[in-house]
Amino acid sequence: MCKCPKCEKTITQLDAEVIPAHLRGGKVIEGAVFTCPLCHTILGAGLDPVSLTNQIINAVQSAAKPGVRNG
């Protein structure tokens, strides 16, 4: 089992919060912060996987539409 590095309690789930992530050049995408549900210590951060998946799906669907050319 995983333990929180701060409170040292066993972690059986994570809390996740979607936050804006600012990229170089000014673009903003959705990020995610993962925290211990017991002491709320930040355990990790990255791109929001659900948002990223939806963006990929939308891009593929747009590219697959008849009469639409990319590139």
N, C-alpha and C. Protein backbone atom coordinates (compact mmCIF):
# COMPACT_ATOMS: atom_id res chain seq x y z
N MET A 1 0.83 -1.19 0.00
CA MET A 1 0.00 0.00 0.00
C MET A 1 0.87 1.26 0.00
N CYS A 2 0.38 2.30 -0.62
CA CYS A 2 1.08 3.58 -0.66
C CYS A 2 0.80 4.36 0.61
N LYS A 3 1.82 5.09 1.05
CA LYS A 3 1.66 5.94 2.22
C LYS A 3 1.97 7.38 1.85
N CYS A 4 1.24 8.30 2.44
CA CYS A 4 1.48 9.72 2.22
C CYS A 4 2.84 10.08 2.82
N PRO A 5 3.68 10.81 2.08
CA PRO A 5 4.98 11.17 2.61
C PRO A 5 4.92 12.16 3.79
N LYS A 6 3.79 12.85 3.94
CA LYS A 6 3.68 13.82 5.04
C LYS A 6 3.03 13.20 6.27
N CYS A 7 1.79 12.69 6.13
CA CYS A 7 1.09 12.17 7.30
C CYS A 7 1.37 10.69 7.56
N GLU A 8 1.98 10.03 6.57
CA GLU A 8 2.37 8.62 6.66
C GLU A 8 1.20 7.65 6.83
N LYS A 9 -0.01 8.12 6.53
CA LYS A 9 -1.17 7.24 6.57
C LYS A 9 -1.32 6.55 5.22
N THR A 10 -1.94 5.38 5.23
CA THR A 10 -2.15 4.62 4.00
C THR A 10 -3.15 5.36 3.11
N ILE A 11 -2.78 5.49 1.84
CA ILE A 11 -3.65 6.15 0.86
C ILE A 11 -4.35 5.08 0.04
N THR A 12 -5.67 5.08 0.09
CA THR A 12 -6.45 4.13 -0.71
C THR A 12 -7.16 4.82 -1.87
N GLN A 13 -7.11 6.14 -1.90
CA GLN A 13 -7.68 6.92 -3.00
C GLN A 13 -6.99 8.27 -3.01
N LEU A 14 -7.14 9.00 -4.10
CA LEU A 14 -6.59 10.35 -4.22
C LEU A 14 -7.72 11.34 -4.41
N ASP A 15 -7.50 12.54 -3.96
CA ASP A 15 -8.39 13.64 -4.33
C ASP A 15 -7.76 14.31 -5.53
N ALA A 16 -8.58 14.73 -6.49
CA ALA A 16 -8.08 15.40 -7.69
C ALA A 16 -8.86 16.68 -7.90
N GLU A 17 -8.14 17.70 -8.33
CA GLU A 17 -8.76 18.99 -8.62
C GLU A 17 -8.24 19.49 -9.96
N VAL A 18 -9.16 19.91 -10.81
CA VAL A 18 -8.78 20.47 -12.11
C VAL A 18 -8.42 21.94 -11.90
N ILE A 19 -7.26 22.33 -12.44
CA ILE A 19 -6.78 23.71 -12.33
C ILE A 19 -6.25 24.15 -13.70
N PRO A 20 -6.19 25.47 -13.95
CA PRO A 20 -5.60 25.92 -15.20
C PRO A 20 -4.08 25.73 -15.18
N ALA A 21 -3.55 25.28 -16.29
CA ALA A 21 -2.10 25.12 -16.46
C ALA A 21 -1.67 26.08 -17.56
N HIS A 22 -0.76 26.97 -17.24
CA HIS A 22 -0.31 27.99 -18.19
C HIS A 22 0.95 27.50 -18.89
N LEU A 23 0.88 27.39 -20.20
CA LEU A 23 2.01 26.96 -21.00
C LEU A 23 2.82 28.16 -21.46
N ARG A 24 4.06 27.93 -21.81
CA ARG A 24 4.85 29.00 -22.41
C ARG A 24 4.16 29.46 -23.67
N GLY A 25 4.18 30.73 -23.91
CA GLY A 25 3.49 31.28 -25.07
C GLY A 25 2.09 31.75 -24.74
N GLY A 26 1.64 31.53 -23.50
CA GLY A 26 0.36 32.07 -23.06
C GLY A 26 -0.84 31.15 -23.18
N LYS A 27 -0.68 29.97 -23.78
CA LYS A 27 -1.83 29.07 -23.90
C LYS A 27 -2.16 28.47 -22.53
N VAL A 28 -3.45 28.34 -22.25
CA VAL A 28 -3.91 27.76 -20.99
C VAL A 28 -4.66 26.46 -21.30
N ILE A 29 -4.28 25.39 -20.62
CA ILE A 29 -4.96 24.10 -20.75
C ILE A 29 -5.38 23.65 -19.36
N GLU A 30 -6.13 22.57 -19.29
CA GLU A 30 -6.55 22.07 -17.98
C GLU A 30 -5.51 21.14 -17.40
N GLY A 31 -5.14 21.42 -16.17
CA GLY A 31 -4.21 20.58 -15.43
C GLY A 31 -4.95 19.91 -14.29
N ALA A 32 -4.24 19.09 -13.54
CA ALA A 32 -4.84 18.42 -12.39
C ALA A 32 -3.82 18.34 -11.27
N VAL A 33 -4.30 18.52 -10.05
CA VAL A 33 -3.47 18.36 -8.86
C VAL A 33 -4.04 17.19 -8.07
N PHE A 34 -3.17 16.27 -7.68
CA PHE A 34 -3.58 15.08 -6.93
C PHE A 34 -3.08 15.23 -5.50
N THR A 35 -4.00 15.11 -4.53
CA THR A 35 -3.65 15.33 -3.13
C THR A 35 -4.06 14.16 -2.25
N CYS A 36 -3.41 14.10 -1.08
CA CYS A 36 -3.78 13.12 -0.06
C CYS A 36 -5.15 13.50 0.48
N PRO A 37 -6.11 12.57 0.53
CA PRO A 37 -7.44 12.91 1.02
C PRO A 37 -7.47 13.14 2.54
N LEU A 38 -6.40 12.77 3.22
CA LEU A 38 -6.37 12.89 4.68
C LEU A 38 -5.75 14.19 5.16
N CYS A 39 -4.61 14.59 4.57
CA CYS A 39 -3.93 15.81 5.02
C CYS A 39 -3.84 16.87 3.92
N HIS A 40 -4.28 16.53 2.73
CA HIS A 40 -4.35 17.46 1.58
C HIS A 40 -2.99 17.89 1.05
N THR A 41 -1.96 17.12 1.31
CA THR A 41 -0.64 17.38 0.76
C THR A 41 -0.66 17.08 -0.74
N ILE A 42 -0.06 17.95 -1.54
CA ILE A 42 0.02 17.71 -2.98
C ILE A 42 0.99 16.56 -3.24
N LEU A 43 0.50 15.53 -3.92
CA LEU A 43 1.30 14.35 -4.23
C LEU A 43 1.78 14.36 -5.67
N GLY A 44 1.11 15.12 -6.51
CA GLY A 44 1.51 15.17 -7.90
C GLY A 44 0.66 16.17 -8.67
N ALA A 45 1.14 16.53 -9.85
CA ALA A 45 0.40 17.44 -10.72
C ALA A 45 0.75 17.11 -12.15
N GLY A 46 -0.16 17.40 -13.05
CA GLY A 46 0.07 17.13 -14.46
C GLY A 46 -1.11 17.60 -15.28
N LEU A 47 -1.16 17.15 -16.51
CA LEU A 47 -2.29 17.47 -17.38
C LEU A 47 -3.50 16.69 -16.93
N ASP A 48 -4.69 17.29 -17.05
CA ASP A 48 -5.92 16.59 -16.70
C ASP A 48 -6.16 15.52 -17.76
N PRO A 49 -6.12 14.23 -17.39
CA PRO A 49 -6.23 13.17 -18.39
C PRO A 49 -7.59 13.13 -19.09
N VAL A 50 -8.66 13.50 -18.40
CA VAL A 50 -9.99 13.49 -19.03
C VAL A 50 -10.07 14.59 -20.08
N SER A 51 -9.62 15.78 -19.74
CA SER A 51 -9.63 16.88 -20.69
C SER A 51 -8.76 16.58 -21.90
N LEU A 52 -7.57 16.03 -21.66
CA LEU A 52 -6.66 15.69 -22.75
C LEU A 52 -7.28 14.66 -23.68
N THR A 53 -7.91 13.64 -23.11
CA THR A 53 -8.57 12.61 -23.91
C THR A 53 -9.68 13.22 -24.76
N ASN A 54 -10.48 14.10 -24.18
CA ASN A 54 -11.57 14.74 -24.92
C ASN A 54 -11.04 15.61 -26.06
N GLN A 55 -9.92 16.30 -25.84
CA GLN A 55 -9.32 17.12 -26.90
C GLN A 55 -8.84 16.24 -28.05
N ILE A 56 -8.25 15.10 -27.73
CA ILE A 56 -7.78 14.17 -28.77
C ILE A 56 -8.97 13.62 -29.56
N ILE A 57 -10.02 13.21 -28.86
CA ILE A 57 -11.22 12.69 -29.53
C ILE A 57 -11.80 13.73 -30.46
N ASN A 58 -11.94 14.97 -30.00
CA ASN A 58 -12.49 16.04 -30.83
C ASN A 58 -11.63 16.31 -32.06
N ALA A 59 -10.31 16.28 -31.89
CA ALA A 59 -9.41 16.52 -33.03
C ALA A 59 -9.53 15.40 -34.06
N VAL A 60 -9.61 14.16 -33.60
CA VAL A 60 -9.73 13.02 -34.52
C VAL A 60 -11.07 13.07 -35.24
N GLN A 61 -12.14 13.38 -34.52
CA GLN A 61 -13.46 13.47 -35.15
C GLN A 61 -13.50 14.58 -36.18
N SER A 62 -12.89 15.73 -35.87
CA SER A 62 -12.85 16.84 -36.83
C SER A 62 -12.07 16.46 -38.08
N ALA A 63 -10.96 15.74 -37.89
CA ALA A 63 -10.13 15.34 -39.03
C ALA A 63 -10.82 14.29 -39.89
N ALA A 64 -11.72 13.52 -39.29
CA ALA A 64 -12.39 12.42 -40.01
C ALA A 64 -13.65 12.88 -40.74
N LYS A 65 -14.09 14.12 -40.52
CA LYS A 65 -15.31 14.59 -41.18
C LYS A 65 -15.08 14.72 -42.68
N PRO A 66 -16.04 14.27 -43.49
CA PRO A 66 -15.90 14.39 -44.93
C PRO A 66 -15.78 15.86 -45.37
N GLY A 67 -14.88 16.11 -46.28
CA GLY A 67 -14.71 17.45 -46.82
C GLY A 67 -13.82 18.36 -46.00
N VAL A 68 -13.36 17.87 -44.86
CA VAL A 68 -12.47 18.67 -44.01
C VAL A 68 -11.05 18.19 -44.22
N ARG A 69 -10.16 19.13 -44.56
CA ARG A 69 -8.77 18.76 -44.78
C ARG A 69 -7.91 19.48 -43.75
N ASN A 70 -7.03 18.76 -43.15
CA ASN A 70 -6.06 19.35 -42.22
C ASN A 70 -4.69 19.32 -42.85
N GLY A 71 -3.87 20.30 -42.48
CA GLY A 71 -2.48 20.30 -42.95
C GLY A 71 -2.30 21.31 -43.96
